[in-house]
Structure formats: structure tokens, C-alpha cells
């Protein structure tokens, strides 16, 4: 079976790391509201992939997370006069109701950010310690230059890369690239010009964040 590899931008044979065993991690919803049609599309698409692999007789480990830590959740909690945990619990239940209505199977594991926070911190720290990420004004960014295979293959418009390469010559004065993306943040900081520059770059050239 061939699937489209977003890193190489081409269809490739889907070969698991362990023969006969497929492990799929699917990004789940940020649980502050009901899901919409845009959320439903990947939910159904990956469910079909999972069912097909299972039907072919393969072992499938299917994981989908719930992001239950987010400014939007806190905002909704303040609006509803409840806690962030109550909001998250409510919309996780609503998500499952809607997913079941679409005949989508539950994941084998549904990790929640609140129960995995130390693991996340340890993982980000490992990235920083290995030089693949760096701290900037309380936030942590992945250093794309440390992974040469990534920057040129995750951009929407390769013809426009020279524009961002020029911008990088300016941003290098601040030791970061406009292609770097945030992996851990203290707060949304739209008032800071460097973060705004980075946000504008990412929103234009990245297709996966």
C-alpha cells in the first residue's frame, strides 16, 4: 500500500518499523468546543486507514491525544463559570459522542496533556540539551537547521523560499530562523515583534503547524 509522505512530497510504500505491526499517532482535538466538519475529515480518514490495516490482518496500535491545556479552554471556563478541567471533560465526552455518530472507533489510547505533562517537559528538555531546540523569552523553539531534511520539504511554495532565506539573514542576528517552530510556550506573545515575525513566516510557509 502506498500513502503520501508529506516530508518527501511523494507517494511511498507504507512500511512499518516492525513487520506486521502498524503504530499510528493521530493529532486529536483541543477540547474547548464541539468539533466541526474540518475536524471530522481526518477523524474519518484515519479511521478508514486503521480499519483497512486491521482487515488485512495486521496488528494496529492506534493513539489519538486530547489537548486539554490551552488558553481557549481557560477562556471557555471563564465564560461558563467552570474550571478548565470541567470544560475539557465536557468536550471530550462531546467529541466521543460525535465520533461514535460517525461510526469512528475509539483509539486504543487517548493520552491527555494534563496526564503527560512531565513527559512533555522531559522530551522538550532533551531537545534543548541536544541542540535541536532553544529557549527564547520563555518559549522553546525547534531549531530546524539541526534537521537539514526538514525545512525545504515542509513548505508550501518552494519558489518563495529565497524570500525567507533573505529574512533569515536578518533573523540570524537573533540566533533563530523564520523556519523554526514553537514546541513549548509560556503564553501567546503577539505583542513581541520577533514572535510576530516568526508567526507570519510560519503561517505562510508551513503546512503542518
N, C-alpha and C. Protein backbone atom coordinates (compact mmCIF):
# COMPACT_ATOMS: atom_id res chain seq x y z
N UNK A 1 0.84 -1.19 0.00
CA UNK A 1 0.00 0.00 0.00
C UNK A 1 0.88 1.24 0.00
N UNK A 2 0.53 2.21 -0.83
CA UNK A 2 1.27 3.47 -0.89
C UNK A 2 0.45 4.60 -0.28
N UNK A 3 1.12 5.46 0.48
CA UNK A 3 0.48 6.65 1.02
C UNK A 3 1.39 7.85 0.74
N UNK A 4 0.82 9.04 0.81
CA UNK A 4 1.57 10.25 0.52
C UNK A 4 2.40 10.65 1.73
N UNK A 5 3.71 10.78 1.54
CA UNK A 5 4.64 11.19 2.59
C UNK A 5 4.81 12.70 2.51
N UNK A 6 4.35 13.42 3.52
CA UNK A 6 4.41 14.89 3.48
C UNK A 6 5.84 15.41 3.59
N UNK A 7 6.78 14.59 4.06
CA UNK A 7 8.17 15.03 4.16
C UNK A 7 8.86 14.98 2.80
N UNK A 8 8.63 13.89 2.05
CA UNK A 8 9.28 13.75 0.74
C UNK A 8 8.40 14.26 -0.40
N UNK A 9 7.14 14.57 -0.10
CA UNK A 9 6.19 15.08 -1.10
C UNK A 9 5.94 14.09 -2.22
N UNK A 10 5.84 12.82 -1.89
CA UNK A 10 5.54 11.83 -2.92
C UNK A 10 4.92 10.60 -2.27
N UNK A 11 4.26 9.78 -3.09
CA UNK A 11 3.69 8.54 -2.60
C UNK A 11 4.80 7.53 -2.38
N UNK A 12 4.71 6.82 -1.24
CA UNK A 12 5.72 5.82 -0.93
C UNK A 12 5.05 4.59 -0.33
N UNK A 13 5.72 3.47 -0.45
CA UNK A 13 5.22 2.24 0.15
C UNK A 13 5.19 2.42 1.66
N UNK A 14 4.06 2.07 2.27
CA UNK A 14 3.89 2.22 3.71
C UNK A 14 4.50 0.99 4.39
N UNK A 15 5.72 1.17 4.90
CA UNK A 15 6.45 0.06 5.51
C UNK A 15 6.58 0.33 7.01
N UNK A 16 6.02 -0.53 7.86
CA UNK A 16 6.10 -0.32 9.30
C UNK A 16 7.50 -0.60 9.84
N UNK A 17 7.83 0.00 10.98
CA UNK A 17 9.13 -0.25 11.59
C UNK A 17 9.25 -1.70 12.04
N UNK A 18 8.14 -2.26 12.51
CA UNK A 18 8.10 -3.67 12.91
C UNK A 18 7.20 -4.40 11.92
N UNK A 19 7.69 -5.37 11.20
CA UNK A 19 6.87 -6.08 10.21
C UNK A 19 5.55 -6.59 10.79
N UNK A 20 4.46 -6.25 10.10
CA UNK A 20 3.15 -6.71 10.52
C UNK A 20 2.51 -5.91 11.63
N UNK A 21 3.22 -4.89 12.13
CA UNK A 21 2.69 -4.09 13.24
C UNK A 21 2.70 -2.61 12.86
N UNK A 22 1.52 -2.03 12.82
CA UNK A 22 1.40 -0.62 12.43
C UNK A 22 1.04 0.22 13.66
N UNK A 23 1.82 1.26 13.89
CA UNK A 23 1.58 2.17 15.00
C UNK A 23 1.23 3.54 14.44
N UNK A 24 0.04 4.01 14.76
CA UNK A 24 -0.47 5.27 14.20
C UNK A 24 -0.76 6.26 15.32
N UNK A 25 -0.16 7.44 15.23
CA UNK A 25 -0.45 8.51 16.19
C UNK A 25 -1.16 9.62 15.43
N UNK A 26 -2.37 9.93 15.86
CA UNK A 26 -3.19 10.93 15.19
C UNK A 26 -3.43 12.11 16.13
N UNK A 27 -3.20 13.31 15.63
CA UNK A 27 -3.42 14.51 16.43
C UNK A 27 -4.92 14.67 16.71
N UNK A 28 -5.26 14.72 17.97
CA UNK A 28 -6.66 14.85 18.36
C UNK A 28 -7.06 16.31 18.58
N UNK A 29 -8.29 16.54 19.06
CA UNK A 29 -8.81 17.90 19.19
C UNK A 29 -8.33 18.62 20.45
N UNK A 30 -8.34 19.94 20.37
CA UNK A 30 -8.20 20.77 21.57
C UNK A 30 -9.62 20.94 22.10
N UNK A 31 -9.87 20.44 23.30
CA UNK A 31 -11.25 20.24 23.74
C UNK A 31 -11.81 21.47 24.50
N UNK A 32 -12.17 22.48 23.71
CA UNK A 32 -12.80 23.67 24.27
C UNK A 32 -14.15 23.95 23.62
N UNK A 33 -14.50 23.12 22.62
CA UNK A 33 -15.75 23.35 21.89
C UNK A 33 -16.12 22.06 21.16
N UNK A 34 -17.29 22.08 20.50
CA UNK A 34 -17.70 20.95 19.69
C UNK A 34 -16.80 20.85 18.46
N UNK A 35 -16.63 19.64 17.93
CA UNK A 35 -15.86 19.50 16.69
C UNK A 35 -16.69 20.02 15.52
N UNK A 36 -15.99 20.36 14.41
CA UNK A 36 -16.66 20.84 13.21
C UNK A 36 -16.28 19.94 12.04
N UNK A 37 -16.76 20.26 10.87
CA UNK A 37 -16.57 19.38 9.71
C UNK A 37 -15.09 19.23 9.37
N UNK A 38 -14.30 20.28 9.62
CA UNK A 38 -12.87 20.19 9.36
C UNK A 38 -12.18 19.20 10.28
N UNK A 39 -12.67 19.09 11.52
CA UNK A 39 -12.14 18.09 12.44
C UNK A 39 -12.56 16.68 12.04
N UNK A 40 -13.77 16.58 11.51
CA UNK A 40 -14.33 15.26 11.20
C UNK A 40 -13.61 14.58 10.04
N UNK A 41 -13.10 15.36 9.10
CA UNK A 41 -12.45 14.75 7.92
C UNK A 41 -11.26 13.86 8.30
N UNK A 42 -10.25 14.38 9.03
CA UNK A 42 -9.13 13.48 9.38
C UNK A 42 -9.54 12.36 10.34
N UNK A 43 -10.53 12.63 11.19
CA UNK A 43 -11.01 11.58 12.10
C UNK A 43 -11.49 10.38 11.28
N UNK A 44 -12.29 10.65 10.26
CA UNK A 44 -12.84 9.58 9.42
C UNK A 44 -11.75 8.96 8.54
N UNK A 45 -10.87 9.80 8.00
CA UNK A 45 -9.83 9.29 7.09
C UNK A 45 -8.90 8.31 7.80
N UNK A 46 -8.45 8.65 9.00
CA UNK A 46 -7.54 7.76 9.71
C UNK A 46 -8.26 6.54 10.26
N UNK A 47 -9.55 6.68 10.54
CA UNK A 47 -10.33 5.52 10.97
C UNK A 47 -10.43 4.50 9.85
N UNK A 48 -10.60 4.99 8.62
CA UNK A 48 -10.65 4.09 7.46
C UNK A 48 -9.31 3.37 7.29
N UNK A 49 -8.20 4.12 7.44
CA UNK A 49 -6.87 3.52 7.32
C UNK A 49 -6.69 2.43 8.39
N UNK A 50 -7.08 2.75 9.59
CA UNK A 50 -6.95 1.78 10.69
C UNK A 50 -7.77 0.52 10.41
N UNK A 51 -9.02 0.71 9.98
CA UNK A 51 -9.89 -0.44 9.71
C UNK A 51 -9.34 -1.29 8.57
N UNK A 52 -8.79 -0.64 7.56
CA UNK A 52 -8.24 -1.38 6.41
C UNK A 52 -7.06 -2.24 6.83
N UNK A 53 -6.14 -1.65 7.61
CA UNK A 53 -4.97 -2.41 8.05
C UNK A 53 -5.38 -3.57 8.95
N UNK A 54 -6.38 -3.33 9.81
CA UNK A 54 -6.89 -4.39 10.67
C UNK A 54 -7.53 -5.50 9.82
N UNK A 55 -8.29 -5.10 8.83
CA UNK A 55 -8.94 -6.07 7.93
C UNK A 55 -7.92 -6.91 7.18
N UNK A 56 -6.75 -6.30 6.88
CA UNK A 56 -5.69 -7.04 6.19
C UNK A 56 -4.97 -8.01 7.14
N UNK A 57 -5.33 -7.96 8.41
CA UNK A 57 -4.76 -8.91 9.36
C UNK A 57 -3.55 -8.40 10.13
N UNK A 58 -3.26 -7.10 10.00
CA UNK A 58 -2.12 -6.54 10.70
C UNK A 58 -2.50 -6.15 12.14
N UNK A 59 -1.50 -6.08 13.00
CA UNK A 59 -1.70 -5.56 14.35
C UNK A 59 -1.58 -4.04 14.28
N UNK A 60 -2.58 -3.34 14.80
CA UNK A 60 -2.58 -1.88 14.72
C UNK A 60 -2.68 -1.29 16.13
N UNK A 61 -1.74 -0.43 16.47
CA UNK A 61 -1.80 0.33 17.74
C UNK A 61 -2.15 1.77 17.35
N UNK A 62 -3.34 2.21 17.75
CA UNK A 62 -3.88 3.50 17.30
C UNK A 62 -3.99 4.44 18.50
N UNK A 63 -3.28 5.56 18.43
CA UNK A 63 -3.24 6.52 19.53
C UNK A 63 -3.72 7.89 19.03
N UNK A 64 -4.60 8.51 19.80
CA UNK A 64 -5.07 9.86 19.47
C UNK A 64 -5.15 10.67 20.76
N UNK A 65 -4.49 11.80 20.77
CA UNK A 65 -4.42 12.61 22.00
C UNK A 65 -5.60 13.55 22.15
N UNK A 66 -5.81 14.02 23.36
CA UNK A 66 -6.71 15.13 23.65
C UNK A 66 -5.87 16.25 24.25
N UNK A 67 -5.88 17.41 23.62
CA UNK A 67 -5.18 18.57 24.17
C UNK A 67 -6.12 19.27 25.15
N UNK A 68 -5.85 19.07 26.43
CA UNK A 68 -6.74 19.63 27.46
C UNK A 68 -6.06 20.72 28.28
N UNK A 69 -5.02 21.32 27.70
CA UNK A 69 -4.37 22.51 28.27
C UNK A 69 -4.22 23.52 27.16
N UNK A 70 -4.93 24.62 27.26
CA UNK A 70 -4.89 25.62 26.19
C UNK A 70 -5.58 26.90 26.68
N UNK A 71 -5.12 28.03 26.15
CA UNK A 71 -5.74 29.31 26.51
C UNK A 71 -7.23 29.34 26.18
N UNK A 72 -7.60 28.67 25.08
CA UNK A 72 -9.01 28.66 24.68
C UNK A 72 -9.87 27.91 25.69
N UNK A 73 -9.30 26.88 26.30
CA UNK A 73 -10.04 26.13 27.32
C UNK A 73 -10.24 27.01 28.55
N UNK A 74 -9.20 27.73 28.94
CA UNK A 74 -9.30 28.63 30.09
C UNK A 74 -10.32 29.73 29.83
N UNK A 75 -10.30 30.28 28.61
CA UNK A 75 -11.26 31.32 28.25
C UNK A 75 -12.68 30.78 28.32
N UNK A 76 -12.92 29.58 27.79
CA UNK A 76 -14.25 28.99 27.82
C UNK A 76 -14.69 28.72 29.26
N UNK A 77 -13.76 28.28 30.10
CA UNK A 77 -14.08 28.03 31.50
C UNK A 77 -14.52 29.32 32.20
N UNK A 78 -13.82 30.41 31.90
CA UNK A 78 -14.19 31.70 32.49
C UNK A 78 -15.57 32.15 32.01
N UNK A 79 -15.86 31.89 30.74
CA UNK A 79 -17.16 32.26 30.19
C UNK A 79 -18.29 31.43 30.79
N UNK A 80 -18.01 30.17 31.07
CA UNK A 80 -19.05 29.27 31.58
C UNK A 80 -19.09 29.22 33.10
N UNK A 81 -18.13 29.88 33.75
CA UNK A 81 -18.09 29.86 35.20
C UNK A 81 -17.73 28.50 35.76
N UNK A 82 -16.87 27.79 35.04
CA UNK A 82 -16.44 26.45 35.48
C UNK A 82 -14.92 26.39 35.46
N UNK A 83 -14.37 25.21 35.69
CA UNK A 83 -12.92 25.04 35.67
C UNK A 83 -12.47 24.53 34.30
N UNK A 84 -11.18 24.68 34.02
CA UNK A 84 -10.64 24.18 32.76
C UNK A 84 -10.81 22.66 32.67
N UNK A 85 -10.64 21.98 33.79
CA UNK A 85 -10.80 20.52 33.80
C UNK A 85 -12.23 20.12 33.46
N UNK A 86 -13.20 20.87 33.95
CA UNK A 86 -14.61 20.57 33.66
C UNK A 86 -14.93 20.81 32.19
N UNK A 87 -14.37 21.89 31.64
CA UNK A 87 -14.58 22.17 30.21
C UNK A 87 -13.99 21.05 29.37
N UNK A 88 -12.77 20.65 29.68
CA UNK A 88 -12.11 19.59 28.93
C UNK A 88 -12.89 18.28 29.01
N UNK A 89 -13.32 17.93 30.21
CA UNK A 89 -14.09 16.70 30.39
C UNK A 89 -15.39 16.73 29.59
N UNK A 90 -16.05 17.89 29.59
CA UNK A 90 -17.31 18.03 28.87
C UNK A 90 -17.12 17.81 27.37
N UNK A 91 -16.09 18.46 26.80
CA UNK A 91 -15.93 18.40 25.35
C UNK A 91 -15.22 17.13 24.88
N UNK A 92 -14.54 16.45 25.77
CA UNK A 92 -14.04 15.11 25.42
C UNK A 92 -15.24 14.18 25.25
N UNK A 93 -16.18 14.30 26.16
CA UNK A 93 -17.40 13.47 26.07
C UNK A 93 -18.18 13.82 24.80
N UNK A 94 -18.28 15.11 24.48
CA UNK A 94 -19.00 15.53 23.27
C UNK A 94 -18.28 15.03 22.01
N UNK A 95 -16.95 15.06 22.05
CA UNK A 95 -16.19 14.55 20.92
C UNK A 95 -16.50 13.07 20.68
N UNK A 96 -16.48 12.29 21.76
CA UNK A 96 -16.74 10.86 21.62
C UNK A 96 -18.15 10.60 21.11
N UNK A 97 -19.11 11.41 21.54
CA UNK A 97 -20.48 11.26 21.05
C UNK A 97 -20.53 11.48 19.54
N UNK A 98 -19.87 12.55 19.08
CA UNK A 98 -19.87 12.86 17.65
C UNK A 98 -19.08 11.83 16.85
N UNK A 99 -17.94 11.39 17.39
CA UNK A 99 -17.12 10.39 16.69
C UNK A 99 -17.89 9.07 16.54
N UNK A 100 -18.57 8.68 17.60
CA UNK A 100 -19.37 7.45 17.54
C UNK A 100 -20.52 7.61 16.54
N UNK A 101 -21.05 8.85 16.45
CA UNK A 101 -22.11 9.12 15.48
C UNK A 101 -21.62 8.97 14.04
N UNK A 102 -20.31 9.16 13.85
CA UNK A 102 -19.70 8.98 12.53
C UNK A 102 -19.19 7.54 12.35
N UNK A 103 -19.49 6.69 13.33
CA UNK A 103 -19.07 5.28 13.33
C UNK A 103 -17.55 5.16 13.41
N UNK A 104 -16.91 6.11 14.08
CA UNK A 104 -15.47 6.08 14.27
C UNK A 104 -15.16 5.32 15.57
N UNK A 105 -14.21 4.42 15.50
CA UNK A 105 -13.83 3.63 16.66
C UNK A 105 -13.00 4.46 17.64
N UNK A 106 -13.08 4.12 18.92
CA UNK A 106 -12.21 4.75 19.91
C UNK A 106 -10.76 4.33 19.64
N UNK A 107 -9.83 5.22 19.97
CA UNK A 107 -8.42 4.87 19.87
C UNK A 107 -8.07 3.84 20.94
N UNK A 108 -6.98 3.13 20.73
CA UNK A 108 -6.51 2.20 21.76
C UNK A 108 -6.07 2.97 23.00
N UNK A 109 -5.50 4.15 22.76
CA UNK A 109 -5.07 5.01 23.86
C UNK A 109 -5.42 6.46 23.51
N UNK A 110 -5.99 7.19 24.49
CA UNK A 110 -6.30 8.61 24.32
C UNK A 110 -5.51 9.40 25.38
N UNK A 111 -4.22 9.65 25.17
CA UNK A 111 -3.46 10.41 26.17
C UNK A 111 -3.94 11.85 26.26
N UNK A 112 -3.93 12.40 27.46
CA UNK A 112 -4.29 13.81 27.68
C UNK A 112 -3.06 14.56 28.16
N UNK A 113 -2.94 15.79 27.70
CA UNK A 113 -1.77 16.60 28.03
C UNK A 113 -1.58 16.71 29.54
N UNK A 114 -2.69 16.88 30.28
CA UNK A 114 -2.58 17.06 31.73
C UNK A 114 -1.99 15.85 32.44
N UNK A 115 -2.13 14.68 31.83
CA UNK A 115 -1.60 13.47 32.47
C UNK A 115 -0.21 13.11 31.95
N UNK A 116 0.27 13.87 30.95
CA UNK A 116 1.57 13.58 30.34
C UNK A 116 2.53 14.76 30.41
N UNK A 117 2.21 15.76 31.24
CA UNK A 117 2.98 16.99 31.24
C UNK A 117 4.46 16.78 31.55
N UNK A 118 4.77 15.94 32.53
CA UNK A 118 6.18 15.72 32.86
C UNK A 118 6.92 15.07 31.71
N UNK A 119 6.25 14.14 31.01
CA UNK A 119 6.86 13.51 29.84
C UNK A 119 7.15 14.55 28.76
N UNK A 120 6.22 15.48 28.57
CA UNK A 120 6.39 16.53 27.57
C UNK A 120 7.57 17.42 27.94
N UNK A 121 7.64 17.82 29.22
CA UNK A 121 8.74 18.67 29.68
C UNK A 121 10.07 17.95 29.50
N UNK A 122 10.13 16.69 29.85
CA UNK A 122 11.37 15.92 29.71
C UNK A 122 11.78 15.81 28.24
N UNK A 123 10.78 15.62 27.36
CA UNK A 123 11.07 15.50 25.93
C UNK A 123 11.62 16.81 25.38
N UNK A 124 10.98 17.92 25.75
CA UNK A 124 11.44 19.24 25.27
C UNK A 124 12.82 19.54 25.83
N UNK A 125 13.07 19.20 27.08
CA UNK A 125 14.38 19.41 27.68
C UNK A 125 15.45 18.62 26.94
N UNK A 126 15.11 17.40 26.53
CA UNK A 126 16.06 16.58 25.77
C UNK A 126 16.39 17.23 24.43
N UNK A 127 15.38 17.85 23.79
CA UNK A 127 15.62 18.56 22.54
C UNK A 127 16.57 19.74 22.75
N UNK A 128 16.35 20.49 23.84
CA UNK A 128 17.21 21.63 24.14
C UNK A 128 18.63 21.17 24.45
N UNK A 129 18.75 20.15 25.29
CA UNK A 129 20.07 19.64 25.70
C UNK A 129 20.86 19.11 24.51
N UNK A 130 20.16 18.58 23.50
CA UNK A 130 20.85 18.01 22.34
C UNK A 130 21.11 19.04 21.24
N UNK A 131 20.66 20.28 21.47
CA UNK A 131 20.89 21.34 20.49
C UNK A 131 19.84 21.44 19.41
N UNK A 132 18.79 20.63 19.50
CA UNK A 132 17.74 20.66 18.48
C UNK A 132 16.66 21.70 18.78
N UNK A 133 16.72 22.32 19.94
CA UNK A 133 15.74 23.35 20.31
C UNK A 133 16.42 24.37 21.21
N UNK A 134 15.78 25.51 21.37
CA UNK A 134 16.37 26.58 22.19
C UNK A 134 15.26 27.39 22.83
N UNK A 135 15.61 28.04 23.95
CA UNK A 135 14.66 28.88 24.68
C UNK A 135 14.78 30.32 24.20
N UNK A 136 13.64 30.98 24.05
CA UNK A 136 13.61 32.39 23.64
C UNK A 136 12.47 33.09 24.36
N UNK A 137 12.82 33.90 25.34
CA UNK A 137 11.85 34.70 26.08
C UNK A 137 10.74 33.84 26.68
N UNK A 138 11.12 32.71 27.25
CA UNK A 138 10.15 31.85 27.92
C UNK A 138 9.55 30.77 27.05
N UNK A 139 9.71 30.85 25.74
CA UNK A 139 9.20 29.84 24.82
C UNK A 139 10.35 28.96 24.35
N UNK A 140 10.03 27.78 23.82
CA UNK A 140 11.04 26.88 23.28
C UNK A 140 10.71 26.60 21.83
N UNK A 141 11.71 26.75 20.96
CA UNK A 141 11.53 26.56 19.52
C UNK A 141 12.43 25.44 19.01
N UNK A 142 11.90 24.66 18.07
CA UNK A 142 12.69 23.62 17.42
C UNK A 142 13.63 24.28 16.41
N UNK A 143 14.91 23.94 16.45
CA UNK A 143 15.90 24.53 15.56
C UNK A 143 15.93 23.71 14.26
N UNK A 144 15.25 24.20 13.24
CA UNK A 144 15.13 23.42 12.01
C UNK A 144 16.47 23.20 11.32
N UNK A 145 17.44 24.09 11.57
CA UNK A 145 18.75 23.92 10.96
C UNK A 145 19.44 22.65 11.46
N UNK A 146 19.00 22.13 12.59
CA UNK A 146 19.60 20.91 13.14
C UNK A 146 19.06 19.67 12.45
N UNK A 147 18.05 19.84 11.61
CA UNK A 147 17.44 18.73 10.88
C UNK A 147 17.36 19.14 9.41
N UNK A 148 18.46 19.03 8.65
CA UNK A 148 18.54 19.54 7.28
C UNK A 148 17.46 19.02 6.35
N UNK A 149 16.94 17.82 6.63
CA UNK A 149 15.93 17.23 5.74
C UNK A 149 14.58 17.92 5.86
N UNK A 150 14.37 18.71 6.91
CA UNK A 150 13.05 19.25 7.18
C UNK A 150 12.70 20.54 6.46
N UNK A 151 13.45 21.66 6.62
CA UNK A 151 12.96 22.97 6.17
C UNK A 151 12.53 23.06 4.72
N UNK A 152 13.32 22.48 3.80
CA UNK A 152 12.99 22.62 2.39
C UNK A 152 11.85 21.75 1.93
N UNK A 153 11.37 20.84 2.79
CA UNK A 153 10.35 19.89 2.36
C UNK A 153 9.00 20.09 3.02
N UNK A 154 8.91 21.08 3.91
CA UNK A 154 7.64 21.27 4.61
C UNK A 154 7.03 22.62 4.25
N UNK A 155 7.46 23.18 3.12
CA UNK A 155 7.00 24.50 2.73
C UNK A 155 6.02 24.40 1.57
N UNK A 156 5.06 25.28 1.57
CA UNK A 156 4.03 25.24 0.54
C UNK A 156 4.55 25.73 -0.80
N UNK A 157 5.35 26.78 -0.79
CA UNK A 157 5.76 27.40 -2.03
C UNK A 157 7.28 27.46 -2.09
N UNK A 158 7.87 26.43 -2.69
CA UNK A 158 9.32 26.37 -2.72
C UNK A 158 9.93 27.53 -3.49
N UNK A 159 9.19 28.09 -4.46
CA UNK A 159 9.71 29.20 -5.24
C UNK A 159 9.90 30.45 -4.40
N UNK A 160 9.21 30.52 -3.25
CA UNK A 160 9.29 31.71 -2.40
C UNK A 160 10.31 31.55 -1.28
N UNK A 161 11.01 30.42 -1.26
CA UNK A 161 11.92 30.19 -0.15
C UNK A 161 13.03 31.23 -0.09
N UNK A 162 13.43 31.77 -1.24
CA UNK A 162 14.51 32.75 -1.25
C UNK A 162 14.13 33.98 -0.43
N UNK A 163 12.84 34.32 -0.41
CA UNK A 163 12.38 35.45 0.39
C UNK A 163 12.66 35.21 1.86
N UNK A 164 12.39 33.98 2.31
CA UNK A 164 12.60 33.65 3.71
C UNK A 164 14.07 33.42 4.02
N UNK A 165 14.84 32.99 3.01
CA UNK A 165 16.28 32.87 3.22
C UNK A 165 16.89 34.25 3.46
N UNK A 166 16.38 35.25 2.73
CA UNK A 166 16.85 36.63 2.94
C UNK A 166 16.46 37.11 4.33
N UNK A 167 15.22 36.83 4.72
CA UNK A 167 14.77 37.22 6.05
C UNK A 167 15.60 36.53 7.12
N UNK A 168 15.99 35.28 6.85
CA UNK A 168 16.82 34.55 7.80
C UNK A 168 18.15 35.25 8.05
N UNK A 169 18.68 35.91 7.02
CA UNK A 169 19.94 36.61 7.20
C UNK A 169 19.81 37.72 8.24
N UNK A 170 18.60 38.29 8.34
CA UNK A 170 18.34 39.30 9.37
C UNK A 170 18.08 38.64 10.72
N UNK A 171 17.26 37.58 10.71
CA UNK A 171 16.88 36.94 11.96
C UNK A 171 18.05 36.21 12.62
N UNK A 172 19.08 35.86 11.83
CA UNK A 172 20.21 35.14 12.41
C UNK A 172 20.90 35.98 13.46
N UNK A 173 20.69 37.30 13.38
CA UNK A 173 21.25 38.19 14.39
C UNK A 173 20.65 37.88 15.76
N UNK A 174 19.45 37.30 15.74
CA UNK A 174 18.77 36.94 16.98
C UNK A 174 18.86 35.44 17.26
N UNK A 175 19.75 34.76 16.51
CA UNK A 175 20.06 33.33 16.66
C UNK A 175 18.88 32.41 16.37
N UNK A 176 17.93 32.83 15.54
CA UNK A 176 16.88 31.89 15.15
C UNK A 176 16.53 32.07 13.69
N UNK A 177 15.77 31.14 13.17
CA UNK A 177 15.34 31.14 11.79
C UNK A 177 13.83 31.29 11.72
N UNK A 178 13.32 31.88 10.64
CA UNK A 178 11.87 32.03 10.49
C UNK A 178 11.23 30.68 10.24
N UNK A 179 12.04 29.65 9.97
CA UNK A 179 11.50 28.31 9.76
C UNK A 179 11.36 27.54 11.07
N UNK A 180 11.95 28.05 12.15
CA UNK A 180 11.83 27.38 13.45
C UNK A 180 10.40 27.48 13.95
N UNK A 181 9.94 26.45 14.65
CA UNK A 181 8.57 26.47 15.15
C UNK A 181 8.53 26.16 16.64
N UNK A 182 7.50 26.64 17.29
CA UNK A 182 7.40 26.56 18.74
C UNK A 182 6.94 25.17 19.18
N UNK A 183 7.65 24.58 20.12
CA UNK A 183 7.28 23.27 20.65
C UNK A 183 6.81 23.37 22.10
N UNK A 184 7.09 24.48 22.75
CA UNK A 184 6.66 24.67 24.14
C UNK A 184 6.59 26.16 24.39
N UNK A 185 5.45 26.65 24.89
CA UNK A 185 5.34 28.08 25.08
C UNK A 185 4.76 28.45 26.43
N UNK A 186 5.22 29.60 26.90
CA UNK A 186 4.76 30.11 28.19
C UNK A 186 3.41 30.77 28.03
N UNK A 187 3.25 31.55 26.96
CA UNK A 187 1.99 32.25 26.70
C UNK A 187 2.02 32.76 25.27
N UNK A 188 0.87 33.08 24.73
CA UNK A 188 0.83 33.72 23.43
C UNK A 188 1.38 35.13 23.57
N UNK A 189 2.30 35.49 22.68
CA UNK A 189 3.00 36.76 22.85
C UNK A 189 2.99 37.55 21.55
N UNK A 190 1.80 37.89 21.07
CA UNK A 190 1.65 38.57 19.79
C UNK A 190 2.19 39.99 19.82
N UNK A 191 2.39 40.55 21.02
CA UNK A 191 2.86 41.92 21.10
C UNK A 191 4.36 42.02 20.85
N UNK A 192 5.08 40.89 20.90
CA UNK A 192 6.52 40.94 20.72
C UNK A 192 6.85 40.79 19.25
N UNK A 193 7.61 41.69 18.71
CA UNK A 193 7.83 41.76 17.27
C UNK A 193 8.52 40.52 16.73
N UNK A 194 9.45 39.94 17.48
CA UNK A 194 10.14 38.76 16.98
C UNK A 194 9.20 37.58 16.87
N UNK A 195 8.32 37.44 17.86
CA UNK A 195 7.33 36.36 17.80
C UNK A 195 6.35 36.59 16.67
N UNK A 196 6.02 37.84 16.42
CA UNK A 196 5.11 38.17 15.32
C UNK A 196 5.75 37.84 13.99
N UNK A 197 7.03 38.17 13.83
CA UNK A 197 7.73 37.83 12.60
C UNK A 197 7.73 36.32 12.37
N UNK A 198 8.00 35.61 13.44
CA UNK A 198 8.04 34.16 13.34
C UNK A 198 6.67 33.60 12.99
N UNK A 199 5.63 34.16 13.61
CA UNK A 199 4.26 33.71 13.35
C UNK A 199 3.88 33.94 11.89
N UNK A 200 4.23 35.11 11.36
CA UNK A 200 3.90 35.43 9.97
C UNK A 200 4.61 34.48 9.01
N UNK A 201 5.86 34.18 9.29
CA UNK A 201 6.61 33.24 8.45
C UNK A 201 5.96 31.87 8.47
N UNK A 202 5.67 31.38 9.67
CA UNK A 202 5.13 30.03 9.80
C UNK A 202 3.76 29.92 9.16
N UNK A 203 2.92 30.92 9.34
CA UNK A 203 1.56 30.84 8.82
C UNK A 203 1.56 30.83 7.30
N UNK A 204 2.65 31.31 6.68
CA UNK A 204 2.71 31.38 5.23
C UNK A 204 3.36 30.14 4.62
N UNK A 205 4.44 29.63 5.25
CA UNK A 205 5.19 28.58 4.57
C UNK A 205 5.00 27.20 5.13
N UNK A 206 4.44 27.06 6.34
CA UNK A 206 4.31 25.73 6.90
C UNK A 206 2.92 25.16 6.69
N UNK A 207 2.88 23.90 6.36
CA UNK A 207 1.59 23.26 6.12
C UNK A 207 1.19 22.30 7.24
N UNK A 208 2.10 22.08 8.18
CA UNK A 208 1.78 21.09 9.21
C UNK A 208 1.61 21.70 10.58
N UNK A 209 1.77 23.04 10.74
CA UNK A 209 1.52 23.70 12.02
C UNK A 209 0.72 24.97 11.76
